[in-house]
Amino acid sequence: MLVVLCALLILLGLAGIVLPVVPGGSILVGAAVLLWAWAGPNNPTAWLVFALAALILLAGLVTKYAVPGRGLKAAGIPLSTQVLGAILGIIGFFVVPVVGLILGFVLGVYVAELGRLGPSAAWRSTKLSLRAAATSILIDLAAALLATGVWILGVAAA
């Protein structure tokens, strides 16, 4: 029963990475593996599985911000543009459910870059920012899937 509960929590976490309206993400994946190690087999293998999963998730967390951030910095897109995009994305999430996050982010980046660079360059910056956001999601998803794989191997071994 515990394995099924943890599997469902992991699936919810994975869905939360891809669909921003679903709560979860990597933290939920890590919490589910921790729950399994703590309440489940409670042997050294379970704790090793949790440690490996946690390291993978931590590496994913660092990488998901470092890689896209470096690309945006190299493209000359300032942090203020990214912050405005994030703020309008959050507002958009509540104004237009589901798609408002993306629409708000795009609008925020475009408006910030429009005032700074003009229409043509603003659209280029917006596309680069969207690509960076997608890269961040893919990195987070890859790390969570790797951690899930470690957990599955741990369940099989326990």
C-alpha atoms as a PDB file:
ATOM      1  CA  MET A   1       0.000   0.000   0.000  1.00  0.00           C
ATOM      2  CA  LEU A   2       2.835   2.411   0.854  1.00  0.00           C
ATOM      3  CA  VAL A   3       4.515   1.769  -2.484  1.00  0.00           C
ATOM      4  CA  VAL A   4       1.271   2.585  -4.318  1.00  0.00           C
ATOM      5  CA  LEU A   5       0.816   5.805  -2.310  1.00  0.00           C
ATOM      6  CA  CYS A   6       4.408   6.848  -3.013  1.00  0.00           C
ATOM      7  CA  ALA A   7       4.007   6.007  -6.697  1.00  0.00           C
ATOM      8  CA  LEU A   8       0.891   8.185  -6.888  1.00  0.00           C
ATOM      9  CA  LEU A   9       2.689  11.048  -5.139  1.00  0.00           C
ATOM     10  CA  ILE A  10       5.602  10.698  -7.558  1.00  0.00           C
ATOM     11  CA  LEU A  11       3.214  10.754 -10.532  1.00  0.00           C
ATOM     12  CA  LEU A  12       1.562  13.882  -9.134  1.00  0.00           C
ATOM     13  CA  GLY A  13       5.003  15.448  -8.712  1.00  0.00           C
ATOM     14  CA  LEU A  14       5.965  14.611 -12.295  1.00  0.00           C
ATOM     15  CA  ALA A  15       2.681  16.071 -13.532  1.00  0.00           C
ATOM     16  CA  GLY A  16       3.355  19.193 -11.478  1.00  0.00           C
ATOM     17  CA  ILE A  17       6.604  19.747 -13.347  1.00  0.00           C
ATOM     18  CA  VAL A  18       4.935  19.635 -16.756  1.00  0.00           C
ATOM     19  CA  LEU A  19       1.575  21.204 -15.856  1.00  0.00           C
ATOM     20  CA  PRO A  20       1.974  24.250 -13.632  1.00  0.00           C
ATOM     21  CA  VAL A  21      -1.641  24.017 -12.415  1.00  0.00           C
ATOM     22  CA  VAL A  22      -0.971  20.691 -10.683  1.00  0.00           C
ATOM     23  CA  PRO A  23       0.721  21.014  -7.298  1.00  0.00           C
ATOM     24  CA  GLY A  24       3.929  19.128  -6.852  1.00  0.00           C
ATOM     25  CA  GLY A  25       7.137  19.050  -8.755  1.00  0.00           C
ATOM     26  CA  SER A  26      10.509  17.741  -7.743  1.00  0.00           C
ATOM     27  CA  ILE A  27       9.878  18.466  -4.082  1.00  0.00           C
ATOM     28  CA  LEU A  28       6.906  16.101  -4.082  1.00  0.00           C
ATOM     29  CA  VAL A  29       8.960  13.423  -5.845  1.00  0.00           C
ATOM     30  CA  GLY A  30      11.682  13.746  -3.203  1.00  0.00           C
ATOM     31  CA  ALA A  31       9.132  13.756  -0.378  1.00  0.00           C
ATOM     32  CA  ALA A  32       7.537  10.573  -1.715  1.00  0.00           C
ATOM     33  CA  VAL A  33      10.902   8.792  -1.853  1.00  0.00           C
ATOM     34  CA  LEU A  34      11.648  10.022   1.685  1.00  0.00           C
ATOM     35  CA  LEU A  35       8.263   8.733   2.883  1.00  0.00           C
ATOM     36  CA  TRP A  36       9.000   5.340   1.328  1.00  0.00           C
ATOM     37  CA  ALA A  37      12.452   5.148   2.944  1.00  0.00           C
ATOM     38  CA  TRP A  38      11.170   6.273   6.334  1.00  0.00           C
ATOM     39  CA  ALA A  39       7.886   4.350   6.598  1.00  0.00           C
ATOM     40  CA  GLY A  40       8.740   1.430   4.321  1.00  0.00           C
ATOM     41  CA  PRO A  41      11.556  -1.087   4.384  1.00  0.00           C
ATOM     42  CA  ASN A  42      13.649   1.069   6.781  1.00  0.00           C
ATOM     43  CA  ASN A  43      16.912  -0.559   5.779  1.00  0.00           C
ATOM     44  CA  PRO A  44      20.203   0.908   4.581  1.00  0.00           C
ATOM     45  CA  THR A  45      19.258   0.295   0.951  1.00  0.00           C
ATOM     46  CA  ALA A  46      16.122   2.422   1.305  1.00  0.00           C
ATOM     47  CA  TRP A  47      18.102   5.291   2.789  1.00  0.00           C
ATOM     48  CA  LEU A  48      20.738   4.951   0.053  1.00  0.00           C
ATOM     49  CA  VAL A  49      17.952   5.155  -2.537  1.00  0.00           C
ATOM     50  CA  PHE A  50      16.626   8.303  -0.868  1.00  0.00           C
ATOM     51  CA  ALA A  51      20.115   9.851  -0.721  1.00  0.00           C
ATOM     52  CA  LEU A  52      20.732   9.155  -4.426  1.00  0.00           C
ATOM     53  CA  ALA A  53      17.308  10.474  -5.405  1.00  0.00           C
ATOM     54  CA  ALA A  54      17.827  13.595  -3.284  1.00  0.00           C
ATOM     55  CA  LEU A  55      21.249  14.239  -4.866  1.00  0.00           C
ATOM     56  CA  ILE A  56      19.799  13.858  -8.354  1.00  0.00           C
ATOM     57  CA  LEU A  57      16.935  16.223  -7.538  1.00  0.00           C
ATOM     58  CA  LEU A  58      19.307  18.751  -5.980  1.00  0.00           C
ATOM     59  CA  ALA A  59      21.576  18.633  -9.025  1.00  0.00           C
ATOM     60  CA  GLY A  60      18.510  19.121 -11.223  1.00  0.00           C
ATOM     61  CA  LEU A  61      17.406  22.096  -9.133  1.00  0.00           C
ATOM     62  CA  VAL A  62      20.763  23.814  -9.507  1.00  0.00           C
ATOM     63  CA  THR A  63      21.055  22.964 -13.202  1.00  0.00           C
ATOM     64  CA  LYS A  64      17.522  24.067 -14.104  1.00  0.00           C
ATOM     65  CA  TYR A  65      18.376  27.614 -13.034  1.00  0.00           C
ATOM     66  CA  ALA A  66      22.043  27.745 -14.036  1.00  0.00           C
ATOM     67  CA  VAL A  67      21.821  26.544 -17.643  1.00  0.00           C
ATOM     68  CA  PRO A  68      18.901  28.690 -18.872  1.00  0.00           C
ATOM     69  CA  GLY A  69      20.091  31.650 -16.792  1.00  0.00           C
ATOM     70  CA  ARG A  70      23.519  31.526 -18.406  1.00  0.00           C
ATOM     71  CA  GLY A  71      21.900  31.451 -21.865  1.00  0.00           C
ATOM     72  CA  LEU A  72      19.694  34.439 -21.064  1.00  0.00           C
ATOM     73  CA  LYS A  73      22.634  36.362 -19.659  1.00  0.00           C
ATOM     74  CA  ALA A  74      24.709  35.591 -22.766  1.00  0.00           C
ATOM     75  CA  ALA A  75      21.822  36.822 -24.941  1.00  0.00           C
ATOM     76  CA  GLY A  76      21.761  40.086 -22.996  1.00  0.00           C
ATOM     77  CA  ILE A  77      18.326  39.631 -21.455  1.00  0.00           C
ATOM     78  CA  PRO A  78      18.429  41.364 -18.067  1.00  0.00           C
ATOM     79  CA  LEU A  79      17.124  39.906 -14.833  1.00  0.00           C
ATOM     80  CA  SER A  80      14.526  42.686 -14.618  1.00  0.00           C
ATOM     81  CA  THR A  81      12.916  41.379 -17.829  1.00  0.00           C
ATOM     82  CA  GLN A  82      12.759  37.857 -16.421  1.00  0.00           C
ATOM     83  CA  VAL A  83      11.278  39.120 -13.146  1.00  0.00           C
ATOM     84  CA  LEU A  84       8.579  41.119 -14.945  1.00  0.00           C
ATOM     85  CA  GLY A  85       7.760  38.051 -17.034  1.00  0.00           C
ATOM     86  CA  ALA A  86       7.493  35.927 -13.891  1.00  0.00           C
ATOM     87  CA  ILE A  87       5.296  38.470 -12.098  1.00  0.00           C
ATOM     88  CA  LEU A  88       2.899  38.841 -15.025  1.00  0.00           C
ATOM     89  CA  GLY A  89       2.929  35.050 -15.429  1.00  0.00           C
ATOM     90  CA  ILE A  90       1.782  34.613 -11.834  1.00  0.00           C
ATOM     91  CA  ILE A  91      -0.906  37.268 -12.266  1.00  0.00           C
ATOM     92  CA  GLY A  92      -1.966  35.678 -15.555  1.00  0.00           C
ATOM     93  CA  PHE A  93      -2.253  32.289 -13.853  1.00  0.00           C
ATOM     94  CA  PHE A  94      -5.028  33.656 -11.646  1.00  0.00           C
ATOM     95  CA  VAL A  95      -6.699  35.798 -14.320  1.00  0.00           C
ATOM     96  CA  VAL A  96      -6.827  33.154 -17.066  1.00  0.00           C
ATOM     97  CA  PRO A  97      -6.637  29.660 -15.532  1.00  0.00           C
ATOM     98  CA  VAL A  98      -4.150  27.204 -17.042  1.00  0.00           C
ATOM     99  CA  VAL A  99      -2.863  29.235 -20.019  1.00  0.00           C
ATOM    100  CA  GLY A 100      -2.574  32.536 -18.129  1.00  0.00           C
ATOM    101  CA  LEU A 101       0.830  31.620 -16.739  1.00  0.00           C
ATOM    102  CA  ILE A 102       2.326  31.292 -20.195  1.00  0.00           C
ATOM    103  CA  LEU A 103       0.437  34.271 -21.628  1.00  0.00           C
ATOM    104  CA  GLY A 104       1.428  36.499 -18.707  1.00  0.00           C
ATOM    105  CA  PHE A 105       5.067  35.437 -18.955  1.00  0.00           C
ATOM    106  CA  VAL A 106       5.197  36.130 -22.699  1.00  0.00           C
ATOM    107  CA  LEU A 107       3.459  39.493 -22.281  1.00  0.00           C
ATOM    108  CA  GLY A 108       5.740  40.509 -19.411  1.00  0.00           C
ATOM    109  CA  VAL A 109       8.945  39.671 -21.264  1.00  0.00           C
ATOM    110  CA  TYR A 110       7.709  41.291 -24.468  1.00  0.00           C
ATOM    111  CA  VAL A 111       6.616  44.527 -22.758  1.00  0.00           C
ATOM    112  CA  ALA A 112       9.871  44.791 -20.826  1.00  0.00           C
ATOM    113  CA  GLU A 113      11.974  44.207 -23.927  1.00  0.00           C
ATOM    114  CA  LEU A 114       9.749  46.420 -26.111  1.00  0.00           C
ATOM    115  CA  GLY A 115      10.533  49.407 -23.945  1.00  0.00           C
ATOM    116  CA  ARG A 116      14.218  48.535 -23.910  1.00  0.00           C
ATOM    117  CA  LEU A 117      14.912  47.371 -27.481  1.00  0.00           C
ATOM    118  CA  GLY A 118      11.955  47.915 -29.809  1.00  0.00           C
ATOM    119  CA  PRO A 119       9.491  45.485 -31.433  1.00  0.00           C
ATOM    120  CA  SER A 120      11.793  43.265 -33.484  1.00  0.00           C
ATOM    121  CA  ALA A 121      14.376  42.641 -30.777  1.00  0.00           C
ATOM    122  CA  ALA A 122      11.629  42.322 -28.135  1.00  0.00           C
ATOM    123  CA  TRP A 123      10.107  39.361 -29.969  1.00  0.00           C
ATOM    124  CA  ARG A 124      13.567  37.753 -30.302  1.00  0.00           C
ATOM    125  CA  SER A 125      14.119  38.133 -26.545  1.00  0.00           C
ATOM    126  CA  THR A 126      10.666  36.717 -25.832  1.00  0.00           C
ATOM    127  CA  LYS A 127      11.391  33.607 -27.904  1.00  0.00           C
ATOM    128  CA  LEU A 128      14.738  33.150 -26.139  1.00  0.00           C
ATOM    129  CA  SER A 129      13.027  33.496 -22.757  1.00  0.00           C
ATOM    130  CA  LEU A 130      10.400  30.902 -23.694  1.00  0.00           C
ATOM    131  CA  ARG A 131      13.135  28.541 -24.845  1.00  0.00           C
ATOM    132  CA  ALA A 132      14.949  29.053 -21.537  1.00  0.00           C
ATOM    133  CA  ALA A 133      11.752  28.320 -19.585  1.00  0.00           C
ATOM    134  CA  ALA A 134      11.177  25.138 -21.609  1.00  0.00           C
ATOM    135  CA  THR A 135      14.791  24.083 -21.022  1.00  0.00           C
ATOM    136  CA  SER A 136      14.326  24.594 -17.295  1.00  0.00           C
ATOM    137  CA  ILE A 137      11.201  22.412 -17.288  1.00  0.00           C
ATOM    138  CA  LEU A 138      12.950  19.663 -19.268  1.00  0.00           C
ATOM    139  CA  ILE A 139      15.950  19.660 -16.920  1.00  0.00           C
ATOM    140  CA  ASP A 140      13.647  19.456 -13.890  1.00  0.00           C
ATOM    141  CA  LEU A 141      11.635  16.648 -15.498  1.00  0.00           C
ATOM    142  CA  ALA A 142      14.779  14.700 -16.431  1.00  0.00           C
ATOM    143  CA  ALA A 143      16.098  14.905 -12.866  1.00  0.00           C
ATOM    144  CA  ALA A 144      12.734  13.838 -11.420  1.00  0.00           C
ATOM    145  CA  LEU A 145      12.507  10.920 -13.854  1.00  0.00           C
ATOM    146  CA  LEU A 146      16.030   9.796 -12.926  1.00  0.00           C
ATOM    147  CA  ALA A 147      15.145  10.000  -9.230  1.00  0.00           C
ATOM    148  CA  THR A 148      11.983   8.013  -9.962  1.00  0.00           C
ATOM    149  CA  GLY A 149      14.069   5.380 -11.720  1.00  0.00           C
ATOM    150  CA  VAL A 150      16.354   5.112  -8.692  1.00  0.00           C
ATOM    151  CA  TRP A 151      13.279   4.694  -6.488  1.00  0.00           C
ATOM    152  CA  ILE A 152      11.845   1.973  -8.738  1.00  0.00           C
ATOM    153  CA  LEU A 153      15.140   0.078  -8.552  1.00  0.00           C
ATOM    154  CA  GLY A 154      15.104   0.536  -4.775  1.00  0.00           C
ATOM    155  CA  VAL A 155      11.569  -0.821  -4.512  1.00  0.00           C
ATOM    156  CA  ALA A 156      12.570  -3.834  -6.571  1.00  0.00           C
ATOM    157  CA  ALA A 157      15.656  -4.396  -4.412  1.00  0.00           C
ATOM    158  CA  ALA A 158      13.865  -4.006  -1.061  1.00  0.00           C
END
